[in-house]
Protein backbone atom coordinates (compact mmCIF):
# COMPACT_ATOMS: atom_id res chain seq x y z
CA GLN A 1 10.29 -12.17 -12.85
CA ALA A 2 9.30 -8.56 -10.67
CA GLN A 3 9.61 -8.41 -7.19
CA LEU A 4 8.29 -5.34 -4.81
CA VAL A 5 9.92 -5.06 -1.40
CA GLU A 6 8.19 -3.23 1.24
CA SER A 7 9.40 -1.31 4.65
CA GLY A 8 9.09 0.64 7.06
CA GLY A 9 6.64 -0.90 9.39
CA GLY A 10 6.63 -0.85 12.98
CA LEU A 11 5.39 0.32 16.71
CA VAL A 12 3.37 3.61 17.27
CA GLN A 13 1.50 4.46 19.72
CA ALA A 14 -2.06 6.16 18.37
CA GLY A 15 -1.67 9.47 16.52
CA GLY A 16 1.60 8.55 15.69
CA SER A 17 2.84 8.72 11.66
CA LEU A 18 4.59 5.94 9.63
CA ARG A 19 5.86 5.78 6.48
CA LEU A 20 6.05 2.55 4.55
CA SER A 21 7.84 1.93 1.28
CA CYS A 22 7.51 -0.74 -1.29
CA ALA A 23 10.33 -0.92 -4.19
CA ALA A 24 9.86 -2.48 -7.26
CA SER A 25 12.45 -4.32 -9.43
CA GLY A 26 12.52 -6.23 -12.17
CA ARG A 27 9.94 -4.89 -14.96
CA THR A 28 8.87 -1.44 -15.54
CA PHE A 29 5.37 -0.65 -13.86
CA SER A 30 4.85 2.72 -15.84
CA THR A 31 1.98 1.20 -16.82
CA ALA A 32 0.37 -0.19 -13.90
CA THR A 33 -1.66 0.30 -11.32
CA MET A 34 -0.04 0.00 -7.52
CA GLY A 35 -1.68 -0.44 -4.49
CA TRP A 36 -1.35 -0.83 -0.70
CA PHE A 37 -4.07 -3.95 1.46
CA ARG A 38 -4.09 -4.89 4.63
CA GLN A 39 -4.94 -7.78 6.69
CA ALA A 40 -5.73 -7.78 10.75
CA PRO A 41 -5.31 -11.29 12.45
CA GLY A 42 -8.67 -13.64 11.66
CA LYS A 43 -9.73 -10.78 8.61
CA GLU A 44 -9.60 -10.59 5.63
CA ARG A 45 -7.70 -8.57 2.96
CA GLU A 46 -8.42 -5.18 2.50
CA PHE A 47 -8.40 -2.79 0.65
CA VAL A 48 -6.45 0.42 1.44
CA ALA A 49 -5.58 3.01 -1.65
CA ALA A 50 -4.27 2.73 -4.47
CA ILE A 51 -2.69 5.03 -7.54
CA ARG A 52 -2.34 4.62 -11.38
CA TRP A 53 1.58 4.99 -11.49
CA MET A 54 1.26 7.20 -15.24
CA SER A 55 -1.46 9.78 -14.54
CA GLY A 56 -0.75 9.38 -10.74
CA THR A 57 -5.08 9.41 -9.64
CA THR A 58 -5.43 8.06 -6.32
CA TYR A 59 -7.86 5.94 -4.49
CA TYR A 60 -8.16 5.64 -0.89
CA ALA A 61 -10.66 3.31 1.45
CA GLY A 62 -12.82 5.30 3.37
CA SER A 63 -11.44 4.67 6.62
CA VAL A 64 -8.03 5.98 5.54
CA LYS A 65 -9.17 9.06 3.87
CA GLY A 66 -7.58 11.92 4.86
CA ARG A 67 -4.99 10.50 6.95
CA PHE A 68 -3.06 8.19 4.55
CA THR A 69 -1.64 9.79 1.30
CA ILE A 70 -0.17 7.21 -0.98
CA SER A 71 2.78 8.18 -3.77
CA ARG A 72 5.08 6.97 -6.10
CA ASP A 73 8.11 8.21 -7.24
CA ASN A 74 8.87 6.65 -10.94
CA ALA A 75 12.57 6.75 -11.67
CA LYS A 76 12.99 5.50 -8.22
CA ASN A 77 10.17 2.09 -9.09
CA THR A 78 8.51 3.31 -4.81
CA LEU A 79 5.39 3.10 -4.11
CA TYR A 80 4.77 4.78 -1.08
CA LEU A 81 2.17 5.10 1.77
CA GLN A 82 2.29 8.36 4.50
CA MET A 83 0.15 6.74 7.44
CA ASN A 84 -0.91 9.87 10.07
CA SER A 85 -3.37 10.20 12.63
CA LEU A 86 -3.12 6.42 13.28
CA LYS A 87 -5.62 4.58 15.13
CA PRO A 88 -5.14 0.95 16.93
CA GLU A 89 -7.36 -0.37 14.01
CA ASP A 90 -4.72 0.54 11.84
CA THR A 91 -2.69 -2.71 13.44
CA ALA A 92 -2.06 -5.03 10.71
CA VAL A 93 0.21 -6.32 7.76
CA TYR A 94 0.52 -4.25 4.98
CA TYR A 95 1.42 -5.62 1.63
CA CYS A 96 1.44 -3.86 -1.44
CA ALA A 97 0.91 -5.01 -4.22
CA ALA A 98 1.63 -4.31 -8.44
CA VAL A 99 -0.74 -5.30 -11.93
CA THR A 100 0.83 -4.41 -15.30
CA GLN A 101 -2.37 -3.60 -17.00
CA THR A 102 -5.28 -1.47 -16.59
CA ILE A 103 -7.56 -2.94 -14.55
CA PRO A 104 -11.60 -1.38 -13.39
CA LEU A 105 -11.48 -2.06 -9.67
CA VAL A 106 -8.56 -0.95 -8.05
CA SER A 107 -10.49 -2.12 -4.41
CA THR A 108 -10.33 -6.10 -5.44
CA PRO A 109 -6.48 -8.11 -4.73
CA ASP A 110 -7.71 -10.74 -7.25
CA GLN A 111 -6.54 -8.54 -9.59
CA TYR A 112 -3.43 -7.94 -8.22
CA ASP A 113 -0.52 -9.66 -10.41
CA TYR A 114 2.63 -9.07 -7.63
CA TRP A 115 2.58 -9.13 -3.85
CA GLY A 116 5.11 -7.61 -1.68
CA GLN A 117 5.86 -10.19 1.34
CA GLY A 118 4.19 -7.63 4.14
CA THR A 119 5.44 -5.33 6.74
CA GLN A 120 3.91 -5.18 10.26
CA VAL A 121 2.71 -1.55 11.93
CA THR A 122 1.21 -2.15 15.31
CA VAL A 123 -0.36 0.75 16.84
CA SER A 124 -1.04 0.50 20.18
CA SER A 125 -3.50 2.78 22.43
């Protein structure tokens, strides 16, 4: 059974930075896509960023492009999200997700098979 464990969330002032990590265990994701999603109170889960594990091709939501960077460490089976220039509207629970087959639409949550428990990110103004 695959497990995804996020870490790195916290409280930061607007303009600050945080780095989220997602450690994958239980199976390899060498042919997978992994992504970050977030969910604010009263809102639906939304796509943040994704990466094709083998090629390293990245995708970003328009709201975070230029501020967030997704990356992975193949040897450690770990996914990262570097978040810079944080805004109060980035406040949410951030989830990492993985899928073990190629998917056409990386931004659709329903296409992912595995999810972490989430980590809270709070940006104060």
